[in-house]
């Protein structure tokens, strides 16, 4: 979601934006007083500032400079009904991203906001993320995620990484570290689940304080390998009391006895509403998008994984058959990136031609039934016999491949006589070798 700060005296402009912008993608907050807007920016609660030049005591370039002094990387768009070209020129010279004449169309505003949002990415984004297969694609969800990662890496604020099941949280923390100011230092990873027992808490606090303590010698000088980022994973798998103590410690730790340049990063599947309220103004919150939100990226993602595994195992795999790709696109991926990685690796190993076929996908019963049910729902009307035929075909193809075309083993798994299996395959127009 793109968070927009609207600095304006016109509440009607806020209503216009809220009525025309998708609220699932854009959040607009109105501020009329400069001090309140500045405080909002100081807390880093908005991605883009919309400055309405009309009715303001200060010129738009002056307003932007006051915002920029607080947040040097803030992007701003000026909206103005004046026909004075000099106002636009002075705004652009001051560093404003775009200058739009009022009345502004929502399409023009969306284009400007989206461009400003993407421009926040560092120029070396491609280099930073080029080896991370799970970041392939250009969909809105992954673009938003990489924007947040790139910005969070360039601040001294601590961060929280929220990740769905099967998402590479540790690798995300590694990316955050590698793009930060302390990338030449060490990434320290601590799994809080290992310290969940009371008798191990003392060891945890000792280790944590050691990571944050000031040290004189560097690794190059023969001293300790200093931590630059400390990733505290599985924060939500600890007790309420422990989580409260840890949050309070991280919030208040930045004193003279600590190395304030060390970034703390919490990893969690979810946070309680109270915890979100507590950390939102102090930590950068970064959410790894689940694959369900990245359907447009799936063709690129699965191909990237297939290419990587084909190279690893010395195989020639050019892509996926139409049926196989359709099957992958229809799956909801409850196991997210870990599930996809395992499925594509097995498919590459099983593939005997240049293209991964549907039968190469080692789908389990839950996956098969889920996809069949989803296709039935999407069709609007589907007879039970057709749904069962699709499921039977999917199941038999998968089992035959898993049994390496051994029909005797396949029949045994299905608890069917081999003759009945052959009859069923004939009804479904399945070849005896898939």
Protein backbone atom coordinates (compact mmCIF):
# COMPACT_ATOMS: atom_id res chain seq x y z
CA UNK A 1 0.00 0.00 0.00
CA UNK A 2 1.25 3.47 -0.91
CA UNK A 3 0.87 5.94 1.97
CA UNK A 4 0.29 9.51 0.79
CA UNK A 5 0.56 12.66 2.89
CA UNK A 6 -1.71 15.41 1.54
CA UNK A 7 -0.67 18.87 2.72
CA UNK A 8 -3.65 21.04 1.82
CA UNK A 9 -6.27 23.49 3.06
CA UNK A 10 -8.88 21.85 0.83
CA UNK A 11 -10.78 18.96 2.45
CA UNK A 12 -12.67 18.53 -0.80
CA UNK A 13 -9.42 17.48 -2.46
CA UNK A 14 -9.07 14.70 0.12
CA UNK A 15 -12.58 13.49 -0.64
CA UNK A 16 -11.83 13.56 -4.37
CA UNK A 17 -8.70 11.46 -3.92
CA UNK A 18 -10.33 8.97 -1.55
CA UNK A 19 -13.31 8.49 -3.85
CA UNK A 20 -11.16 7.84 -6.92
CA UNK A 21 -8.15 5.93 -5.56
CA UNK A 22 -8.28 2.24 -4.70
CA UNK A 23 -8.18 2.18 -0.90
CA UNK A 24 -6.47 -1.20 -0.93
CA UNK A 25 -3.52 0.38 -2.76
CA UNK A 26 -3.49 4.01 -1.59
CA UNK A 27 -3.92 5.55 1.85
CA UNK A 28 -4.25 9.35 2.00
CA UNK A 29 -3.90 11.41 5.20
CA UNK A 30 -4.68 15.13 5.24
CA UNK A 31 -2.64 17.71 7.16
CA UNK A 32 -3.38 21.42 7.17
CA UNK A 33 -0.71 22.57 9.65
CA UNK A 34 2.93 22.47 8.60
CA UNK A 35 4.10 21.34 12.05
CA UNK A 36 1.73 18.35 12.07
CA UNK A 37 2.77 17.34 8.56
CA UNK A 38 6.44 17.66 9.54
CA UNK A 39 5.92 15.44 12.60
CA UNK A 40 4.18 12.83 10.42
CA UNK A 41 7.11 12.85 8.00
CA UNK A 42 9.59 12.68 10.87
CA UNK A 43 7.97 9.42 11.98
CA UNK A 44 8.26 8.13 8.41
CA UNK A 45 4.57 7.30 8.14
CA UNK A 46 4.14 8.29 4.48
CA UNK A 47 5.81 7.31 1.22
CA UNK A 48 4.93 10.33 -0.93
CA UNK A 49 3.98 13.92 -0.05
CA UNK A 50 1.30 15.67 -2.10
CA UNK A 51 1.70 19.43 -1.67
CA UNK A 52 -1.34 21.51 -2.61
CA UNK A 53 0.11 24.93 -3.46
CA UNK A 54 -3.26 26.72 -3.35
CA UNK A 55 -4.02 28.77 -0.25
CA UNK A 56 -0.61 28.24 1.36
CA UNK A 57 1.42 30.97 3.05
CA UNK A 58 4.68 29.49 1.77
CA UNK A 59 5.65 28.70 -1.80
CA UNK A 60 5.59 24.98 -2.68
CA UNK A 61 9.38 24.81 -3.04
CA UNK A 62 9.77 26.23 0.49
CA UNK A 63 7.30 23.71 1.88
CA UNK A 64 9.15 20.89 0.16
CA UNK A 65 12.52 22.07 1.50
CA UNK A 66 11.16 22.01 5.05
CA UNK A 67 9.99 18.42 4.49
CA UNK A 68 13.26 17.45 2.81
CA UNK A 69 15.30 18.69 5.77
CA UNK A 70 13.49 16.10 7.87
CA UNK A 71 13.49 13.26 5.32
CA UNK A 72 16.12 13.81 2.60
CA UNK A 73 14.81 10.94 0.43
CA UNK A 74 11.16 11.99 0.56
CA UNK A 75 9.45 12.25 -2.83
CA UNK A 76 6.91 15.02 -3.35
CA UNK A 77 4.38 16.00 -6.00
CA UNK A 78 3.04 19.57 -6.18
CA UNK A 79 -0.57 20.25 -7.19
CA UNK A 80 -1.33 23.83 -8.25
CA UNK A 81 -4.01 25.76 -10.14
CA UNK A 82 -1.68 28.68 -10.88
CA UNK A 83 -0.52 29.34 -14.42
CA UNK A 84 2.73 30.85 -13.17
CA UNK A 85 5.47 28.81 -14.86
CA UNK A 86 8.08 30.11 -12.43
CA UNK A 87 6.37 28.24 -9.58
CA UNK A 88 6.76 24.95 -11.42
CA UNK A 89 10.38 25.73 -12.32
CA UNK A 90 11.34 26.63 -8.74
CA UNK A 91 9.61 23.49 -7.42
CA UNK A 92 11.41 21.18 -9.82
CA UNK A 93 14.74 22.90 -9.08
CA UNK A 94 14.13 22.32 -5.37
CA UNK A 95 13.86 18.59 -6.07
CA UNK A 96 10.10 18.06 -6.32
CA UNK A 97 9.45 14.85 -8.26
CA UNK A 98 6.55 16.21 -10.34
CA UNK A 99 4.37 19.29 -10.74
CA UNK A 100 0.73 18.73 -11.78
CA UNK A 101 -1.75 21.42 -12.83
CA UNK A 102 -5.18 21.42 -11.16
CA UNK A 103 -7.72 20.14 -11.73
CA UNK A 104 -5.65 16.97 -11.91
CA UNK A 105 -7.06 13.75 -13.28
CA UNK A 106 -6.83 10.67 -11.08
CA UNK A 107 -5.06 8.78 -13.85
CA UNK A 108 -2.32 11.42 -14.06
CA UNK A 109 -1.96 11.46 -10.29
CA UNK A 110 -1.74 7.66 -10.06
CA UNK A 111 0.94 7.62 -12.77
CA UNK A 112 2.97 10.29 -10.97
CA UNK A 113 2.62 8.60 -7.58
CA UNK A 114 3.57 5.17 -8.92
CA UNK A 115 6.60 6.62 -10.73
CA UNK A 116 7.69 8.50 -7.60
CA UNK A 117 7.28 5.35 -5.52
CA UNK A 118 9.42 3.25 -7.88
CA UNK A 119 12.06 6.00 -8.14
CA UNK A 120 12.82 5.59 -4.44
CA UNK A 121 14.66 2.38 -5.27
CA UNK A 122 18.45 2.74 -5.29
CA UNK A 123 20.15 2.66 -8.66
CA UNK A 124 21.88 -0.59 -7.79
CA UNK A 125 18.59 -2.43 -7.11
CA UNK A 126 19.16 -4.85 -9.99
CA UNK A 127 22.60 -5.73 -8.63
CA UNK A 128 21.35 -6.13 -5.07
CA UNK A 129 18.55 -8.51 -5.96
CA UNK A 130 19.85 -10.20 -9.12
CA UNK A 131 20.75 -13.49 -7.37
CA UNK A 132 17.53 -13.75 -5.38
CA UNK A 133 15.20 -15.88 -7.49
CA UNK A 134 12.19 -15.28 -5.22
CA UNK A 135 12.35 -11.55 -6.01
CA UNK A 136 12.02 -12.02 -9.77
CA UNK A 137 9.09 -10.21 -11.35
CA UNK A 138 7.77 -6.69 -11.63
CA UNK A 139 4.32 -6.95 -10.04
CA UNK A 140 3.05 -4.29 -7.66
CA UNK A 141 3.51 -6.40 -4.51
CA UNK A 142 7.16 -7.21 -5.09
CA UNK A 143 7.90 -3.65 -6.28
CA UNK A 144 6.39 -2.26 -3.08
CA UNK A 145 8.40 -4.76 -1.04
CA UNK A 146 11.75 -3.93 -2.66
CA UNK A 147 11.02 -0.21 -2.27
CA UNK A 148 10.45 -0.66 1.44
CA UNK A 149 13.55 -2.84 1.77
CA UNK A 150 15.74 -0.34 -0.04
CA UNK A 151 14.50 2.59 2.04
CA UNK A 152 14.67 0.74 5.35
CA UNK A 153 18.26 -0.28 4.62
CA UNK A 154 19.29 3.36 4.32
CA UNK A 155 18.06 4.44 7.76
CA UNK A 156 19.28 3.76 11.28
CA UNK A 157 15.78 2.73 12.33
CA UNK A 158 15.24 -0.82 13.46
CA UNK A 159 12.90 -2.97 11.38
CA UNK A 160 10.30 -5.71 11.56
CA UNK A 161 9.99 -8.30 8.79
CA UNK A 162 6.56 -9.93 8.69
CA UNK A 163 6.57 -13.13 6.66
CA UNK A 164 4.00 -15.76 5.68
CA UNK A 165 4.69 -19.46 6.13
CA UNK A 166 7.35 -20.65 3.70
CA UNK A 167 8.79 -17.19 3.01
CA UNK A 168 12.59 -16.72 3.17
CA UNK A 169 12.73 -14.41 6.19
CA UNK A 170 16.43 -14.93 6.92
CA UNK A 171 17.33 -14.21 3.30
CA UNK A 172 15.23 -11.04 3.43
CA UNK A 173 17.12 -9.96 6.55
CA UNK A 174 20.35 -10.68 4.68
CA UNK A 175 19.26 -8.40 1.84
CA UNK A 176 18.39 -5.66 4.29
CA UNK A 177 21.83 -6.01 5.83
CA UNK A 178 23.72 -6.14 2.51
CA UNK A 179 22.09 -2.89 1.36
CA UNK A 180 22.70 -1.06 4.64
CA UNK A 181 25.44 1.11 6.04
CA UNK A 182 27.04 -1.77 7.95
CA UNK A 183 27.18 -4.23 5.06
CA UNK A 184 30.91 -4.81 5.68
CA UNK A 185 30.09 -6.10 9.13
CA UNK A 186 28.50 -9.41 10.10
CA UNK A 187 24.82 -10.37 10.00
CA UNK A 188 24.05 -12.03 13.35
CA UNK A 189 21.02 -14.34 13.34
CA UNK A 190 19.32 -15.36 16.58
CA UNK A 191 16.34 -17.72 16.58
CA UNK A 192 14.21 -16.62 19.52
CA UNK A 193 12.48 -20.01 19.56
CA UNK A 194 15.76 -21.43 20.87
CA UNK A 195 15.54 -19.13 23.90
CA UNK A 196 11.88 -19.74 24.72
CA UNK A 197 12.65 -21.58 27.97
CA UNK A 198 13.16 -19.50 31.09
CA UNK A 199 16.49 -21.17 31.88
CA UNK A 200 17.92 -19.93 28.55
CA UNK A 201 16.82 -16.29 28.79
CA UNK A 202 19.96 -15.23 30.65
CA UNK A 203 22.14 -16.55 27.82
CA UNK A 204 20.00 -14.67 25.30
CA UNK A 205 20.30 -11.29 27.02
CA UNK A 206 24.05 -11.73 27.41
CA UNK A 207 24.47 -12.56 23.71
CA UNK A 208 22.16 -9.72 22.61
CA UNK A 209 23.96 -7.09 24.68
CA UNK A 210 27.27 -8.33 23.32
CA UNK A 211 26.05 -7.77 19.73
CA UNK A 212 25.08 -4.18 20.54
CA UNK A 213 28.03 -3.32 22.79
CA UNK A 214 30.62 -0.81 21.62
CA UNK A 215 33.92 -2.41 20.67
CA UNK A 216 37.20 -0.79 19.80
CA UNK A 217 38.89 -3.33 17.57
CA UNK A 218 37.63 -4.36 14.14
CA UNK A 219 38.09 -7.72 12.47
CA UNK A 220 40.78 -6.31 10.21
CA UNK A 221 42.72 -5.17 13.28
CA UNK A 222 42.65 -8.65 14.73
CA UNK A 223 39.67 -8.05 17.02
CA UNK A 224 36.16 -9.42 17.01
CA UNK A 225 33.95 -9.67 13.94
CA UNK A 226 31.48 -6.89 14.71
CA UNK A 227 27.76 -7.31 14.10
CA UNK A 228 26.17 -4.79 11.76
CA UNK A 229 22.65 -6.21 11.80
CA UNK A 230 21.06 -8.50 14.40
CA UNK A 231 18.14 -10.54 13.07
CA UNK A 232 15.89 -11.79 15.87
CA UNK A 233 13.71 -14.38 14.17
CA UNK A 234 10.48 -15.99 15.38
CA UNK A 235 9.61 -13.10 17.66
CA UNK A 236 5.99 -14.27 17.73
CA UNK A 237 6.96 -17.74 18.99
CA UNK A 238 7.97 -16.44 22.41
CA UNK A 239 5.90 -15.60 25.48
CA UNK A 240 4.00 -12.33 25.80
CA UNK A 241 6.22 -11.33 28.72
CA UNK A 242 9.44 -12.01 26.79
CA UNK A 243 8.20 -10.10 23.74
CA UNK A 244 7.32 -7.07 25.88
CA UNK A 245 10.75 -7.09 27.55
CA UNK A 246 12.51 -7.38 24.21
CA UNK A 247 10.52 -4.57 22.58
CA UNK A 248 11.12 -2.29 25.56
CA UNK A 249 14.84 -3.09 25.41
CA UNK A 250 15.13 -2.41 21.68
CA UNK A 251 13.20 0.84 21.96
CA UNK A 252 15.34 2.16 24.82
CA UNK A 253 18.70 0.59 23.95
CA UNK A 254 20.11 3.50 21.97
CA UNK A 255 22.21 5.01 24.74
CA UNK A 256 25.90 5.86 24.99
CA UNK A 257 26.89 2.33 26.02
CA UNK A 258 25.54 0.82 22.79
CA UNK A 259 26.79 0.85 19.23
CA UNK A 260 23.88 2.82 17.80
CA UNK A 261 24.79 1.91 14.23
CA UNK A 262 23.81 -1.74 14.77
CA UNK A 263 20.37 -2.38 13.25
CA UNK A 264 17.96 -4.71 15.03
CA UNK A 265 15.52 -6.61 12.84
CA UNK A 266 12.63 -8.63 14.25
CA UNK A 267 11.17 -11.50 12.25
CA UNK A 268 7.59 -12.65 12.88
CA UNK A 269 4.68 -14.35 11.15
CA UNK A 270 2.33 -11.82 12.77
CA UNK A 271 2.13 -9.13 15.43
CA UNK A 272 -0.68 -8.39 17.85
CA UNK A 273 -2.52 -5.10 17.43
CA UNK A 274 -0.87 -3.79 20.59
CA UNK A 275 2.59 -4.70 19.28
CA UNK A 276 1.86 -3.11 15.90
CA UNK A 277 0.80 0.08 17.63
CA UNK A 278 3.99 0.06 19.69
CA UNK A 279 6.46 -0.54 16.88
CA UNK A 280 4.82 1.30 13.96
CA UNK A 281 6.28 4.70 14.84
CA UNK A 282 9.73 3.44 15.75
CA UNK A 283 10.40 0.46 13.46
CA UNK A 284 10.15 0.11 9.70
CA UNK A 285 7.58 -2.63 9.06
CA UNK A 286 8.28 -4.72 5.97
CA UNK A 287 5.88 -7.44 4.80
CA UNK A 288 7.09 -10.21 2.50
CA UNK A 289 4.25 -10.68 0.00
CA UNK A 290 2.79 -14.21 -0.19
CA UNK A 291 2.68 -15.88 -3.59
CA UNK A 292 -1.10 -15.51 -3.61
CA UNK A 293 -0.49 -11.78 -4.13
CA UNK A 294 2.02 -12.35 -6.94
CA UNK A 295 0.02 -14.26 -9.54
CA UNK A 296 1.29 -11.97 -12.33
CA UNK A 297 4.88 -12.84 -11.39
CA UNK A 298 4.43 -16.63 -11.26
CA UNK A 299 5.39 -17.38 -14.89
CA UNK A 300 8.65 -15.47 -14.42
CA UNK A 301 9.27 -16.98 -10.99
CA UNK A 302 8.78 -20.64 -11.91
CA UNK A 303 10.89 -20.20 -15.05
CA UNK A 304 13.69 -18.60 -13.02
CA UNK A 305 13.66 -21.51 -10.56
CA UNK A 306 13.54 -24.04 -13.40
CA UNK A 307 16.53 -22.40 -15.11
CA UNK A 308 18.49 -22.40 -11.85
CA UNK A 309 17.83 -26.07 -11.08
CA UNK A 310 18.42 -27.12 -14.70
CA UNK A 311 21.87 -25.55 -14.51
CA UNK A 312 22.53 -27.14 -11.11
CA UNK A 313 21.67 -30.64 -12.33
CA UNK A 314 23.05 -30.31 -15.85
CA UNK A 315 19.69 -30.68 -17.59
CA UNK A 316 18.14 -28.90 -20.57
CA UNK A 317 14.77 -27.49 -19.58
CA UNK A 318 13.36 -24.74 -21.77
CA UNK A 319 10.13 -24.11 -19.89
CA UNK A 320 6.71 -25.48 -18.97
CA UNK A 321 3.95 -26.99 -21.02
CA UNK A 322 0.71 -25.01 -21.21
CA UNK A 323 -1.07 -27.51 -18.97
CA UNK A 324 1.70 -27.51 -16.36
CA UNK A 325 1.87 -23.72 -16.21
CA UNK A 326 -1.91 -23.48 -15.93
CA UNK A 327 -1.80 -25.90 -13.01
CA UNK A 328 0.85 -23.79 -11.22
CA UNK A 329 -1.10 -20.58 -11.79
CA UNK A 330 -4.27 -22.11 -10.32
CA UNK A 331 -2.52 -23.27 -7.15
CA UNK A 332 -2.83 -21.04 -4.07
CA UNK A 333 0.65 -21.87 -2.69
CA UNK A 334 -0.05 -22.14 1.05
CA UNK A 335 3.61 -23.07 1.52
CA UNK A 336 4.74 -20.03 -0.48
CA UNK A 337 8.35 -19.81 -1.67
CA UNK A 338 9.60 -22.94 0.09
CA UNK A 339 6.80 -24.99 -1.48
CA UNK A 340 7.47 -23.56 -4.94
CA UNK A 341 11.21 -24.15 -4.70
CA UNK A 342 10.75 -27.81 -3.71
CA UNK A 343 8.09 -28.45 -6.36
CA UNK A 344 10.12 -26.95 -9.22
CA UNK A 345 13.31 -28.73 -8.14
CA UNK A 346 11.51 -32.10 -8.20
CA UNK A 347 9.91 -31.25 -11.55
CA UNK A 348 13.30 -30.49 -13.11
CA UNK A 349 14.71 -33.76 -11.79
CA UNK A 350 11.73 -35.73 -13.16
CA UNK A 351 11.54 -33.93 -16.49
CA UNK A 352 12.59 -36.18 -19.39
CA UNK A 353 12.12 -33.71 -22.24
CA UNK A 354 12.79 -30.06 -22.93
CA UNK A 355 9.59 -28.90 -21.24
CA UNK A 356 8.22 -29.67 -17.79
CA UNK A 357 4.92 -31.47 -18.26
CA UNK A 358 1.95 -31.59 -15.96
CA UNK A 359 2.90 -35.12 -14.89
CA UNK A 360 6.31 -33.90 -13.70
CA UNK A 361 4.68 -31.83 -10.95
CA UNK A 362 4.65 -33.92 -7.80
CA UNK A 363 1.36 -32.59 -6.46
CA UNK A 364 -0.17 -34.03 -3.28
CA UNK A 365 -3.86 -34.77 -2.71
CA UNK A 366 -4.50 -31.45 -1.00
CA UNK A 367 -3.04 -29.57 -3.94
CA UNK A 368 -5.01 -31.60 -6.47
CA UNK A 369 -8.35 -31.27 -4.69
CA UNK A 370 -7.78 -27.54 -4.06
CA UNK A 371 -7.14 -26.80 -7.73
CA UNK A 372 -10.07 -28.92 -8.89
CA UNK A 373 -12.41 -27.15 -6.48
CA UNK A 374 -11.08 -23.75 -7.51
CA UNK A 375 -11.60 -24.44 -11.22
CA UNK A 376 -15.12 -25.63 -10.51
CA UNK A 377 -15.91 -22.43 -8.60
CA UNK A 378 -14.40 -20.21 -11.29
CA UNK A 379 -16.41 -21.90 -14.00
CA UNK A 380 -19.64 -20.91 -12.28
CA UNK A 381 -21.16 -24.27 -13.08
CA UNK A 382 -19.41 -27.61 -13.24
CA UNK A 383 -20.94 -31.04 -13.05
CA UNK A 384 -19.66 -33.34 -10.36
CA UNK A 385 -18.72 -35.94 -12.96
CA UNK A 386 -16.41 -33.45 -14.73
CA UNK A 387 -14.79 -32.41 -11.47
CA UNK A 388 -14.20 -36.04 -10.58
CA UNK A 389 -12.76 -36.76 -14.02
CA UNK A 390 -10.29 -33.90 -13.63
CA UNK A 391 -9.28 -35.12 -10.19
CA UNK A 392 -8.91 -38.76 -11.32
CA UNK A 393 -6.77 -37.70 -14.28
CA UNK A 394 -4.56 -35.50 -12.08
CA UNK A 395 -4.14 -38.18 -9.43
CA UNK A 396 -3.39 -41.06 -11.80
CA UNK A 397 -0.90 -39.01 -13.86
CA UNK A 398 0.92 -37.93 -10.72
CA UNK A 399 1.10 -41.43 -9.25
CA UNK A 400 2.25 -43.07 -12.49
CA UNK A 401 5.09 -40.60 -12.77
CA UNK A 402 6.00 -41.08 -9.11
CA UNK A 403 6.11 -44.83 -9.70
CA UNK A 404 8.30 -44.34 -12.80
CA UNK A 405 5.57 -45.72 -15.10
CA UNK A 406 5.30 -48.93 -13.10
CA UNK A 407 1.56 -49.64 -13.42
CA UNK A 408 1.69 -52.52 -10.94
CA UNK A 409 2.99 -50.18 -8.22
CA UNK A 410 0.48 -47.49 -9.23
CA UNK A 411 -2.41 -49.93 -8.99
CA UNK A 412 -1.18 -51.08 -5.57
CA UNK A 413 -1.08 -47.48 -4.32
CA UNK A 414 -4.64 -46.95 -5.56
CA UNK A 415 -5.71 -50.28 -4.10
CA UNK A 416 -7.05 -51.32 -7.50
CA UNK A 417 -6.51 -54.37 -9.72
CA UNK A 418 -4.23 -53.50 -12.62
CA UNK A 419 -7.01 -54.32 -15.11
CA UNK A 420 -9.31 -51.76 -13.46
CA UNK A 421 -6.51 -49.14 -13.58
CA UNK A 422 -6.01 -49.81 -17.32
CA UNK A 423 -9.75 -49.46 -17.94
CA UNK A 424 -9.79 -46.20 -16.01
CA UNK A 425 -6.84 -44.90 -18.00
CA UNK A 426 -8.60 -45.82 -21.23
CA UNK A 427 -11.72 -43.90 -20.14
CA UNK A 428 -9.58 -40.86 -19.41
CA UNK A 429 -7.60 -41.22 -22.67
CA UNK A 430 -4.38 -41.59 -20.70
CA UNK A 431 -1.38 -43.27 -22.24
CA UNK A 432 0.13 -46.21 -20.42
CA UNK A 433 3.37 -44.22 -20.37
CA UNK A 434 3.15 -40.55 -19.38
